[in-house]
Amino acid sequence: MSASTCRKHPLFLRARSVCIVLLVLVVLGMVTRPIEAPAWQVVKARQPEMNLEAIEGALGQGLVVGLLGGFRAVMADFLWIRTNTIWERRDRVKLDAMVRLVTTLDPRPEFFWINGARMIAYDVPNWRIQEEGGYTDVPESRQQALDHEQAEQAFAMLANAREFHPNKAKLYLETGQIYLNRLKDTANAAKWFLLASQQLDAPYFAARIYGELLRRQGKDAEAYDYLKQLHNDLPDDPYAQKPIILDRIRELEDELKIPVWQRFQPQAAIQYLPTEASLEEKVQMLDQSHCHDHAH
C-alpha cells in the first residue's frame, strides 16, 4: 500500500482529526492559563452569593423544607452562625442573602427575624455611610436616604415574619423601634406601639410608650384620655407600673389646666373598699387616697 493510499484511509483520517483537536485544545490551554486563575478566583468569590440566591429563589421555602425535613432547624442554626461571621466582615450583600435563607429554612424562631431586621436596619446603613466617607463627609440627606432604604428592607422582613407569627407583639414592637430609634419618625412609631399593645402577649410598657409618643407629638389631650383609660384597664400588677401612669396623668392635668374637680380619680380606690366598712370609714379611706394622689 502506497503512502498516498494510507493517507486516504478512514482510520488515518480519523486519527488525524483527533490529533488536530487535541493540538488545538493544548494551544488554547496554554493561551488561557494566564487568565484562568484570576477568573476562577472571581467565580469562587461570588459563588456563596450566587448559591444562596439560587437556593432561595429557585427552590422556594416549600421545597427546601421538603428536602431537609426535620434537619431544617439544625441547618438554619448552622447557617445563622455563618451569618454572624458574615456580619463581622461587614459583607452586606451576603448578609442580606443569608438572613433571607435562614428565615426561609426555618421561619419559626422569632430570633432570626428580629435580629436579622436589626442588622439590616441599624448596622448596614452605618457600614454604607462609612464606605462613602463617614458621618462627617456624607451629607445628612444622603445619610437619611440610606437609613430609609435599609429600614424599608427591615420592614419588609418583619412583614414576612408577621405572616408566620401574626399575633406576636415583639414583631410589631421591632417595627415601631426602627421608626423611633433609626428614622426618628414619632408618628409612625406610635402607630406600631399601639398595634403591639393590642396583641395578647403585649408587654405592659408598649401601651405606656404609646401614650408618651402621643405627648411627643403634642397630642396632650389625646394622651390624657388614653392614659386615664389605660390606668383603669390595667390590673393591679407591679409590672404594670400604674403609679408611673398616674404620675403622667397628673403632669398632663397640670399642662392642660384641668380643674381640680374634673381631675382623674382612679377606680381602684373605690373598687377595693371593704364592703363591711362603715360610711365614715369609707369616706376616710377615699380622703386618704386623694391626699396620696396629690402627693405625687
C-alpha atoms as a PDB file:
ATOM      1  CA  MET A   1       0.000   0.000   0.000  1.00  0.00           C
ATOM      2  CA  SER A   2       1.451   3.343  -1.084  1.00  0.00           C
ATOM      3  CA  ALA A   3       1.904   6.344   1.236  1.00  0.00           C
ATOM      4  CA  SER A   4      -0.767   8.323  -0.567  1.00  0.00           C
ATOM      5  CA  THR A   5      -3.235   5.479  -0.203  1.00  0.00           C
ATOM      6  CA  CYS A   6      -2.533   5.203   3.539  1.00  0.00           C
ATOM      7  CA  ARG A   7      -3.189   8.930   3.991  1.00  0.00           C
ATOM      8  CA  LYS A   8      -6.630   8.448   2.448  1.00  0.00           C
ATOM      9  CA  HIS A   9      -7.550   5.512   4.691  1.00  0.00           C
ATOM     10  CA  PRO A  10     -10.554   6.239   7.027  1.00  0.00           C
ATOM     11  CA  LEU A  11      -8.614   5.240  10.138  1.00  0.00           C
ATOM     12  CA  PHE A  12      -5.792   7.606   9.248  1.00  0.00           C
ATOM     13  CA  LEU A  13      -8.209  10.453   8.582  1.00  0.00           C
ATOM     14  CA  ARG A  14      -9.953   9.892  11.927  1.00  0.00           C
ATOM     15  CA  ALA A  15      -6.682   9.741  13.819  1.00  0.00           C
ATOM     16  CA  ARG A  16      -5.517  12.934  12.143  1.00  0.00           C
ATOM     17  CA  SER A  17      -8.730  14.722  13.152  1.00  0.00           C
ATOM     18  CA  VAL A  18      -8.320  13.610  16.751  1.00  0.00           C
ATOM     19  CA  CYS A  19      -4.709  14.822  16.800  1.00  0.00           C
ATOM     20  CA  ILE A  20      -5.702  18.206  15.395  1.00  0.00           C
ATOM     21  CA  VAL A  21      -8.435  18.650  18.041  1.00  0.00           C
ATOM     22  CA  LEU A  22      -6.042  17.691  20.834  1.00  0.00           C
ATOM     23  CA  LEU A  23      -3.417  20.098  19.499  1.00  0.00           C
ATOM     24  CA  VAL A  24      -5.945  22.941  19.413  1.00  0.00           C
ATOM     25  CA  LEU A  25      -7.031  22.203  22.987  1.00  0.00           C
ATOM     26  CA  VAL A  26      -3.420  22.199  24.191  1.00  0.00           C
ATOM     27  CA  VAL A  27      -2.735  25.509  22.479  1.00  0.00           C
ATOM     28  CA  LEU A  28      -5.905  27.069  23.917  1.00  0.00           C
ATOM     29  CA  GLY A  29      -4.995  25.828  27.377  1.00  0.00           C
ATOM     30  CA  MET A  30      -1.558  27.414  27.142  1.00  0.00           C
ATOM     31  CA  VAL A  31      -3.014  30.688  25.907  1.00  0.00           C
ATOM     32  CA  THR A  32      -5.741  30.946  28.553  1.00  0.00           C
ATOM     33  CA  ARG A  33      -3.659  29.771  31.526  1.00  0.00           C
ATOM     34  CA  PRO A  34      -2.526  33.316  32.496  1.00  0.00           C
ATOM     35  CA  ILE A  35      -6.132  34.492  32.875  1.00  0.00           C
ATOM     36  CA  GLU A  36      -7.566  31.254  34.222  1.00  0.00           C
ATOM     37  CA  ALA A  37      -6.542  31.701  37.869  1.00  0.00           C
ATOM     38  CA  PRO A  38      -7.846  35.266  38.318  1.00  0.00           C
ATOM     39  CA  ALA A  39     -11.102  34.392  36.611  1.00  0.00           C
ATOM     40  CA  TRP A  40     -11.592  31.361  38.818  1.00  0.00           C
ATOM     41  CA  GLN A  41     -10.923  33.452  41.907  1.00  0.00           C
ATOM     42  CA  VAL A  42     -13.676  35.828  40.863  1.00  0.00           C
ATOM     43  CA  VAL A  43     -16.068  32.935  40.358  1.00  0.00           C
ATOM     44  CA  LYS A  44     -15.245  31.443  43.737  1.00  0.00           C
ATOM     45  CA  ALA A  45     -15.571  34.802  45.449  1.00  0.00           C
ATOM     46  CA  ARG A  46     -19.089  35.215  44.067  1.00  0.00           C
ATOM     47  CA  GLN A  47     -20.117  31.603  44.449  1.00  0.00           C
ATOM     48  CA  PRO A  48     -21.610  31.815  48.001  1.00  0.00           C
ATOM     49  CA  GLU A  49     -23.775  34.745  46.987  1.00  0.00           C
ATOM     50  CA  MET A  50     -24.954  33.046  43.790  1.00  0.00           C
ATOM     51  CA  ASN A  51     -25.659  29.777  45.560  1.00  0.00           C
ATOM     52  CA  LEU A  52     -27.744  31.467  48.244  1.00  0.00           C
ATOM     53  CA  GLU A  53     -29.854  33.312  45.725  1.00  0.00           C
ATOM     54  CA  ALA A  54     -30.271  30.177  43.629  1.00  0.00           C
ATOM     55  CA  ILE A  55     -31.371  28.058  46.586  1.00  0.00           C
ATOM     56  CA  GLU A  56     -33.812  30.637  47.876  1.00  0.00           C
ATOM     57  CA  GLY A  57     -35.172  31.837  44.568  1.00  0.00           C
ATOM     58  CA  ALA A  58     -35.320  28.599  42.602  1.00  0.00           C
ATOM     59  CA  LEU A  59     -36.270  26.106  45.275  1.00  0.00           C
ATOM     60  CA  GLY A  60     -38.521  28.200  47.491  1.00  0.00           C
ATOM     61  CA  GLN A  61     -39.405  27.513  51.098  1.00  0.00           C
ATOM     62  CA  GLY A  62     -41.677  24.541  50.489  1.00  0.00           C
ATOM     63  CA  LEU A  63     -39.114  22.555  48.557  1.00  0.00           C
ATOM     64  CA  VAL A  64     -36.291  23.463  50.931  1.00  0.00           C
ATOM     65  CA  VAL A  65     -38.355  22.238  53.868  1.00  0.00           C
ATOM     66  CA  GLY A  66     -39.287  19.124  51.952  1.00  0.00           C
ATOM     67  CA  LEU A  67     -35.687  18.309  51.123  1.00  0.00           C
ATOM     68  CA  LEU A  68     -34.311  18.916  54.595  1.00  0.00           C
ATOM     69  CA  GLY A  69     -37.274  17.602  56.564  1.00  0.00           C
ATOM     70  CA  GLY A  70     -36.531  17.553  60.264  1.00  0.00           C
ATOM     71  CA  PHE A  71     -32.992  18.815  59.681  1.00  0.00           C
ATOM     72  CA  ARG A  72     -34.065  22.291  58.597  1.00  0.00           C
ATOM     73  CA  ALA A  73     -33.842  23.696  62.143  1.00  0.00           C
ATOM     74  CA  VAL A  74     -30.329  22.325  62.563  1.00  0.00           C
ATOM     75  CA  MET A  75     -29.311  23.692  59.179  1.00  0.00           C
ATOM     76  CA  ALA A  76     -30.824  27.095  59.987  1.00  0.00           C
ATOM     77  CA  ASP A  77     -28.906  27.232  63.279  1.00  0.00           C
ATOM     78  CA  PHE A  78     -25.694  26.334  61.484  1.00  0.00           C
ATOM     79  CA  LEU A  79     -26.257  28.978  58.822  1.00  0.00           C
ATOM     80  CA  TRP A  80     -27.045  31.577  61.486  1.00  0.00           C
ATOM     81  CA  ILE A  81     -23.571  31.027  62.916  1.00  0.00           C
ATOM     82  CA  ARG A  82     -22.253  31.636  59.411  1.00  0.00           C
ATOM     83  CA  THR A  83     -24.427  34.763  59.243  1.00  0.00           C
ATOM     84  CA  ASN A  84     -22.690  36.201  62.280  1.00  0.00           C
ATOM     85  CA  THR A  85     -19.315  35.635  60.635  1.00  0.00           C
ATOM     86  CA  ILE A  86     -20.524  37.490  57.541  1.00  0.00           C
ATOM     87  CA  TRP A  87     -21.877  40.269  59.790  1.00  0.00           C
ATOM     88  CA  GLU A  88     -18.464  40.634  61.437  1.00  0.00           C
ATOM     89  CA  ARG A  89     -16.916  41.025  57.971  1.00  0.00           C
ATOM     90  CA  ARG A  90     -19.500  43.690  57.086  1.00  0.00           C
ATOM     91  CA  ASP A  91     -20.446  41.963  53.845  1.00  0.00           C
ATOM     92  CA  ARG A  92     -23.915  43.426  53.406  1.00  0.00           C
ATOM     93  CA  VAL A  93     -24.767  41.598  50.155  1.00  0.00           C
ATOM     94  CA  LYS A  94     -24.069  38.170  51.600  1.00  0.00           C
ATOM     95  CA  LEU A  95     -25.644  39.181  54.905  1.00  0.00           C
ATOM     96  CA  ASP A  96     -28.947  40.023  53.240  1.00  0.00           C
ATOM     97  CA  ALA A  97     -28.940  36.779  51.265  1.00  0.00           C
ATOM     98  CA  MET A  98     -28.009  34.675  54.293  1.00  0.00           C
ATOM     99  CA  VAL A  99     -30.643  36.196  56.574  1.00  0.00           C
ATOM    100  CA  ARG A 100     -33.311  35.522  53.972  1.00  0.00           C
ATOM    101  CA  LEU A 101     -32.066  31.971  53.528  1.00  0.00           C
ATOM    102  CA  VAL A 102     -32.084  31.249  57.273  1.00  0.00           C
ATOM    103  CA  THR A 103     -35.629  32.553  57.707  1.00  0.00           C
ATOM    104  CA  THR A 104     -36.698  30.575  54.650  1.00  0.00           C
ATOM    105  CA  LEU A 105     -35.260  27.354  56.037  1.00  0.00           C
ATOM    106  CA  ASP A 106     -36.866  27.810  59.440  1.00  0.00           C
ATOM    107  CA  PRO A 107     -39.297  30.719  59.867  1.00  0.00           C
ATOM    108  CA  ARG A 108     -40.420  29.583  63.296  1.00  0.00           C
ATOM    109  CA  PRO A 109     -37.852  31.282  65.592  1.00  0.00           C
ATOM    110  CA  GLU A 110     -38.671  34.957  66.102  1.00  0.00           C
ATOM    111  CA  PHE A 111     -34.994  35.417  66.961  1.00  0.00           C
ATOM    112  CA  PHE A 112     -33.915  35.059  63.317  1.00  0.00           C
ATOM    113  CA  TRP A 113     -36.424  37.611  62.069  1.00  0.00           C
ATOM    114  CA  ILE A 114     -35.824  40.211  64.769  1.00  0.00           C
ATOM    115  CA  ASN A 115     -32.046  40.075  64.802  1.00  0.00           C
ATOM    116  CA  GLY A 116     -31.874  39.925  61.013  1.00  0.00           C
ATOM    117  CA  ALA A 117     -34.042  43.050  60.817  1.00  0.00           C
ATOM    118  CA  ARG A 118     -31.811  44.806  63.356  1.00  0.00           C
ATOM    119  CA  MET A 119     -28.687  44.050  61.351  1.00  0.00           C
ATOM    120  CA  ILE A 120     -30.285  45.389  58.185  1.00  0.00           C
ATOM    121  CA  ALA A 121     -31.853  48.483  59.768  1.00  0.00           C
ATOM    122  CA  TYR A 122     -29.075  49.576  62.147  1.00  0.00           C
ATOM    123  CA  ASP A 123     -25.739  48.067  61.111  1.00  0.00           C
ATOM    124  CA  VAL A 124     -25.883  48.093  57.318  1.00  0.00           C
ATOM    125  CA  PRO A 125     -26.614  51.839  56.967  1.00  0.00           C
ATOM    126  CA  ASN A 126     -23.654  52.542  59.245  1.00  0.00           C
ATOM    127  CA  TRP A 127     -21.435  50.398  57.027  1.00  0.00           C
ATOM    128  CA  ARG A 128     -22.636  52.123  53.884  1.00  0.00           C
ATOM    129  CA  ILE A 129     -22.087  55.576  55.349  1.00  0.00           C
ATOM    130  CA  GLN A 130     -18.572  54.579  56.396  1.00  0.00           C
ATOM    131  CA  GLU A 131     -17.892  53.205  52.906  1.00  0.00           C
ATOM    132  CA  GLU A 132     -18.915  56.550  51.396  1.00  0.00           C
ATOM    133  CA  GLY A 133     -16.621  58.588  53.628  1.00  0.00           C
ATOM    134  CA  GLY A 134     -18.085  58.583  57.129  1.00  0.00           C
ATOM    135  CA  TYR A 135     -20.598  60.682  59.002  1.00  0.00           C
ATOM    136  CA  THR A 136     -18.525  63.866  58.750  1.00  0.00           C
ATOM    137  CA  ASP A 137     -18.253  63.734  54.947  1.00  0.00           C
ATOM    138  CA  VAL A 138     -21.529  62.148  53.841  1.00  0.00           C
ATOM    139  CA  PRO A 139     -24.317  64.765  53.564  1.00  0.00           C
ATOM    140  CA  GLU A 140     -27.207  64.498  56.008  1.00  0.00           C
ATOM    141  CA  SER A 141     -29.663  63.986  53.154  1.00  0.00           C
ATOM    142  CA  ARG A 142     -27.646  61.016  51.897  1.00  0.00           C
ATOM    143  CA  GLN A 143     -27.452  59.527  55.380  1.00  0.00           C
ATOM    144  CA  GLN A 144     -31.211  59.781  55.741  1.00  0.00           C
ATOM    145  CA  ALA A 145     -31.714  58.187  52.324  1.00  0.00           C
ATOM    146  CA  LEU A 146     -29.549  55.226  53.339  1.00  0.00           C
ATOM    147  CA  ASP A 147     -31.381  54.916  56.661  1.00  0.00           C
ATOM    148  CA  HIS A 148     -34.749  54.846  54.900  1.00  0.00           C
ATOM    149  CA  GLU A 149     -33.561  52.376  52.256  1.00  0.00           C
ATOM    150  CA  GLN A 150     -32.304  49.890  54.819  1.00  0.00           C
ATOM    151  CA  ALA A 151     -35.283  50.444  57.112  1.00  0.00           C
ATOM    152  CA  GLU A 152     -37.658  49.564  54.274  1.00  0.00           C
ATOM    153  CA  GLN A 153     -35.813  46.269  53.797  1.00  0.00           C
ATOM    154  CA  ALA A 154     -36.122  45.562  57.517  1.00  0.00           C
ATOM    155  CA  PHE A 155     -39.837  46.448  57.439  1.00  0.00           C
ATOM    156  CA  ALA A 156     -40.352  44.011  54.559  1.00  0.00           C
ATOM    157  CA  MET A 157     -38.621  41.275  56.549  1.00  0.00           C
ATOM    158  CA  LEU A 158     -40.751  41.942  59.620  1.00  0.00           C
ATOM    159  CA  ALA A 159     -43.878  41.926  57.455  1.00  0.00           C
ATOM    160  CA  ASN A 160     -42.895  38.455  56.245  1.00  0.00           C
ATOM    161  CA  ALA A 161     -42.318  37.440  59.841  1.00  0.00           C
ATOM    162  CA  ARG A 162     -45.851  38.507  60.785  1.00  0.00           C
ATOM    163  CA  GLU A 163     -47.225  36.134  58.176  1.00  0.00           C
ATOM    164  CA  PHE A 164     -45.837  33.296  60.282  1.00  0.00           C
ATOM    165  CA  HIS A 165     -46.392  34.996  63.672  1.00  0.00           C
ATOM    166  CA  PRO A 166     -49.391  37.307  63.182  1.00  0.00           C
ATOM    167  CA  ASN A 167     -50.070  37.896  66.873  1.00  0.00           C
ATOM    168  CA  LYS A 168     -46.574  38.341  68.255  1.00  0.00           C
ATOM    169  CA  ALA A 169     -46.152  41.745  69.882  1.00  0.00           C
ATOM    170  CA  LYS A 170     -42.358  41.594  69.528  1.00  0.00           C
ATOM    171  CA  LEU A 171     -42.579  41.913  65.759  1.00  0.00           C
ATOM    172  CA  TYR A 172     -44.818  44.976  65.977  1.00  0.00           C
ATOM    173  CA  LEU A 173     -42.545  46.486  68.612  1.00  0.00           C
ATOM    174  CA  GLU A 174     -39.480  45.951  66.439  1.00  0.00           C
ATOM    175  CA  THR A 175     -41.040  47.906  63.582  1.00  0.00           C
ATOM    176  CA  GLY A 176     -42.002  50.683  65.993  1.00  0.00           C
ATOM    177  CA  GLN A 177     -38.498  50.834  67.427  1.00  0.00           C
ATOM    178  CA  ILE A 178     -36.915  51.163  63.982  1.00  0.00           C
ATOM    179  CA  TYR A 179     -39.246  54.066  63.206  1.00  0.00           C
ATOM    180  CA  LEU A 180     -38.443  55.656  66.551  1.00  0.00           C
ATOM    181  CA  ASN A 181     -34.732  54.972  67.000  1.00  0.00           C
ATOM    182  CA  ARG A 182     -33.409  54.908  63.442  1.00  0.00           C
ATOM    183  CA  LEU A 183     -35.780  57.111  61.461  1.00  0.00           C
ATOM    184  CA  LYS A 184     -36.855  59.447  64.292  1.00  0.00           C
ATOM    185  CA  ASP A 185     -40.412  59.117  62.987  1.00  0.00           C
ATOM    186  CA  THR A 186     -42.543  59.520  66.104  1.00  0.00           C
ATOM    187  CA  ALA A 187     -45.905  59.411  64.343  1.00  0.00           C
ATOM    188  CA  ASN A 188     -45.336  56.055  62.634  1.00  0.00           C
ATOM    189  CA  ALA A 189     -43.611  54.671  65.719  1.00  0.00           C
ATOM    190  CA  ALA A 190     -46.729  55.483  67.756  1.00  0.00           C
ATOM    191  CA  LYS A 191     -48.942  53.532  65.356  1.00  0.00           C
ATOM    192  CA  TRP A 192     -46.817  50.408  65.728  1.00  0.00           C
ATOM    193  CA  PHE A 193     -46.553  50.660  69.516  1.00  0.00           C
ATOM    194  CA  LEU A 194     -50.343  50.888  69.635  1.00  0.00           C
ATOM    195  CA  LEU A 195     -50.640  47.786  67.442  1.00  0.00           C
ATOM    196  CA  ALA A 196     -48.145  45.999  69.679  1.00  0.00           C
ATOM    197  CA  SER A 197     -50.107  46.914  72.797  1.00  0.00           C
ATOM    198  CA  GLN A 198     -53.217  45.302  71.282  1.00  0.00           C
ATOM    199  CA  GLN A 199     -51.639  41.846  70.951  1.00  0.00           C
ATOM    200  CA  LEU A 200     -52.425  39.215  73.563  1.00  0.00           C
ATOM    201  CA  ASP A 201     -48.769  38.796  74.562  1.00  0.00           C
ATOM    202  CA  ALA A 202     -48.061  42.537  74.664  1.00  0.00           C
ATOM    203  CA  PRO A 203     -45.768  43.756  77.449  1.00  0.00           C
ATOM    204  CA  TYR A 204     -47.184  46.483  79.657  1.00  0.00           C
ATOM    205  CA  PHE A 205     -44.638  49.049  78.502  1.00  0.00           C
ATOM    206  CA  ALA A 206     -45.961  49.059  74.905  1.00  0.00           C
ATOM    207  CA  ALA A 207     -49.084  50.970  75.919  1.00  0.00           C
ATOM    208  CA  ARG A 208     -47.136  53.345  78.182  1.00  0.00           C
ATOM    209  CA  ILE A 209     -44.757  54.208  75.359  1.00  0.00           C
ATOM    210  CA  TYR A 210     -47.673  54.828  73.022  1.00  0.00           C
ATOM    211  CA  GLY A 211     -49.062  57.352  75.496  1.00  0.00           C
ATOM    212  CA  GLU A 212     -45.670  59.029  75.744  1.00  0.00           C
ATOM    213  CA  LEU A 213     -45.355  59.205  71.957  1.00  0.00           C
ATOM    214  CA  LEU A 214     -48.705  60.976  71.801  1.00  0.00           C
ATOM    215  CA  ARG A 215     -47.285  63.575  74.163  1.00  0.00           C
ATOM    216  CA  ARG A 216     -44.169  63.978  72.000  1.00  0.00           C
ATOM    217  CA  GLN A 217     -46.427  64.788  69.065  1.00  0.00           C
ATOM    218  CA  GLY A 218     -48.160  67.490  71.074  1.00  0.00           C
ATOM    219  CA  LYS A 219     -51.366  65.447  71.366  1.00  0.00           C
ATOM    220  CA  ASP A 220     -51.706  66.073  75.092  1.00  0.00           C
ATOM    221  CA  ALA A 221     -55.493  65.834  75.243  1.00  0.00           C
ATOM    222  CA  GLU A 222     -55.482  62.533  73.364  1.00  0.00           C
ATOM    223  CA  ALA A 223     -52.682  61.223  75.581  1.00  0.00           C
ATOM    224  CA  TYR A 224     -54.627  62.269  78.686  1.00  0.00           C
ATOM    225  CA  ASP A 225     -57.759  60.377  77.657  1.00  0.00           C
ATOM    226  CA  TYR A 226     -55.731  57.340  76.611  1.00  0.00           C
ATOM    227  CA  LEU A 227     -53.722  57.144  79.844  1.00  0.00           C
ATOM    228  CA  LYS A 228     -56.839  57.510  82.005  1.00  0.00           C
ATOM    229  CA  GLN A 229     -58.451  54.576  80.236  1.00  0.00           C
ATOM    230  CA  LEU A 230     -55.212  52.605  80.392  1.00  0.00           C
ATOM    231  CA  HIS A 231     -54.939  53.133  84.140  1.00  0.00           C
ATOM    232  CA  ASN A 232     -58.464  51.807  84.612  1.00  0.00           C
ATOM    233  CA  ASP A 233     -57.900  48.800  82.345  1.00  0.00           C
ATOM    234  CA  LEU A 234     -54.592  47.629  83.792  1.00  0.00           C
ATOM    235  CA  PRO A 235     -54.533  45.067  86.602  1.00  0.00           C
ATOM    236  CA  ASP A 236     -53.007  45.853  89.968  1.00  0.00           C
ATOM    237  CA  ASP A 237     -49.775  44.171  88.943  1.00  0.00           C
ATOM    238  CA  PRO A 238     -46.418  45.700  89.954  1.00  0.00           C
ATOM    239  CA  TYR A 239     -45.152  45.149  86.407  1.00  0.00           C
ATOM    240  CA  ALA A 240     -47.989  47.292  85.046  1.00  0.00           C
ATOM    241  CA  GLN A 241     -46.457  50.270  86.894  1.00  0.00           C
ATOM    242  CA  LYS A 242     -49.739  52.056  87.386  1.00  0.00           C
ATOM    243  CA  PRO A 243     -48.161  54.677  89.698  1.00  0.00           C
ATOM    244  CA  ILE A 244     -45.987  55.842  86.786  1.00  0.00           C
ATOM    245  CA  ILE A 245     -49.056  56.161  84.570  1.00  0.00           C
ATOM    246  CA  LEU A 246     -50.829  58.115  87.283  1.00  0.00           C
ATOM    247  CA  ASP A 247     -47.840  60.463  87.543  1.00  0.00           C
ATOM    248  CA  ARG A 248     -48.058  61.149  83.819  1.00  0.00           C
ATOM    249  CA  ILE A 249     -51.795  61.741  84.097  1.00  0.00           C
ATOM    250  CA  ARG A 250     -51.155  64.321  86.813  1.00  0.00           C
ATOM    251  CA  GLU A 251     -48.498  66.022  84.666  1.00  0.00           C
ATOM    252  CA  LEU A 252     -50.940  66.272  81.790  1.00  0.00           C
ATOM    253  CA  GLU A 253     -53.636  67.644  84.062  1.00  0.00           C
ATOM    254  CA  ASP A 254     -51.267  70.434  85.058  1.00  0.00           C
ATOM    255  CA  GLU A 255     -50.289  71.118  81.440  1.00  0.00           C
ATOM    256  CA  LEU A 256     -53.907  71.037  80.260  1.00  0.00           C
ATOM    257  CA  LYS A 257     -55.031  73.058  83.298  1.00  0.00           C
ATOM    258  CA  ILE A 258     -57.725  70.558  84.226  1.00  0.00           C
ATOM    259  CA  PRO A 259     -59.855  71.900  87.138  1.00  0.00           C
ATOM    260  CA  VAL A 260     -59.353  70.045  90.382  1.00  0.00           C
ATOM    261  CA  TRP A 261     -62.952  68.811  90.473  1.00  0.00           C
ATOM    262  CA  GLN A 262     -62.582  67.293  86.976  1.00  0.00           C
ATOM    263  CA  ARG A 263     -59.308  65.500  87.586  1.00  0.00           C
ATOM    264  CA  PHE A 264     -58.930  61.777  87.230  1.00  0.00           C
ATOM    265  CA  GLN A 265     -59.834  59.574  90.180  1.00  0.00           C
ATOM    266  CA  PRO A 266     -58.507  56.009  89.971  1.00  0.00           C
ATOM    267  CA  GLN A 267     -61.272  53.457  90.045  1.00  0.00           C
ATOM    268  CA  ALA A 268     -59.183  51.075  92.108  1.00  0.00           C
ATOM    269  CA  ALA A 269     -59.658  53.253  95.172  1.00  0.00           C
ATOM    270  CA  ILE A 270     -63.412  52.641  95.003  1.00  0.00           C
ATOM    271  CA  GLN A 271     -63.373  49.061  93.811  1.00  0.00           C
ATOM    272  CA  TYR A 272     -61.354  47.761  96.712  1.00  0.00           C
ATOM    273  CA  LEU A 273     -63.135  49.458  99.618  1.00  0.00           C
ATOM    274  CA  PRO A 274     -64.099  46.757 102.121  1.00  0.00           C
ATOM    275  CA  THR A 275     -67.834  46.151 101.998  1.00  0.00           C
ATOM    276  CA  GLU A 276     -68.060  45.728 105.770  1.00  0.00           C
ATOM    277  CA  ALA A 277     -66.657  49.214 106.466  1.00  0.00           C
ATOM    278  CA  SER A 278     -68.966  51.902 107.720  1.00  0.00           C
ATOM    279  CA  LEU A 279     -69.818  55.002 105.685  1.00  0.00           C
ATOM    280  CA  GLU A 280     -67.485  57.138 107.808  1.00  0.00           C
ATOM    281  CA  GLU A 281     -64.607  54.681 107.287  1.00  0.00           C
ATOM    282  CA  LYS A 282     -65.165  54.639 103.524  1.00  0.00           C
ATOM    283  CA  VAL A 283     -65.121  58.440 103.341  1.00  0.00           C
ATOM    284  CA  GLN A 284     -61.908  58.493 105.382  1.00  0.00           C
ATOM    285  CA  MET A 285     -60.265  55.942 103.025  1.00  0.00           C
ATOM    286  CA  LEU A 286     -61.244  57.979  99.968  1.00  0.00           C
ATOM    287  CA  ASP A 287     -59.835  61.148 101.532  1.00  0.00           C
ATOM    288  CA  GLN A 288     -56.553  59.356 102.242  1.00  0.00           C
ATOM    289  CA  SER A 289     -56.425  58.110  98.661  1.00  0.00           C
ATOM    290  CA  HIS A 290     -56.988  61.642  97.297  1.00  0.00           C
ATOM    291  CA  CYS A 291     -54.229  63.002  99.512  1.00  0.00           C
ATOM    292  CA  HIS A 292     -51.876  60.284  98.264  1.00  0.00           C
ATOM    293  CA  ASP A 293     -52.629  61.215  94.644  1.00  0.00           C
ATOM    294  CA  HIS A 294     -51.950  64.905  95.250  1.00  0.00           C
ATOM    295  CA  ALA A 295     -48.637  63.979  96.911  1.00  0.00           C
ATOM    296  CA  HIS A 296     -47.483  62.627  93.520  1.00  0.00           C
END
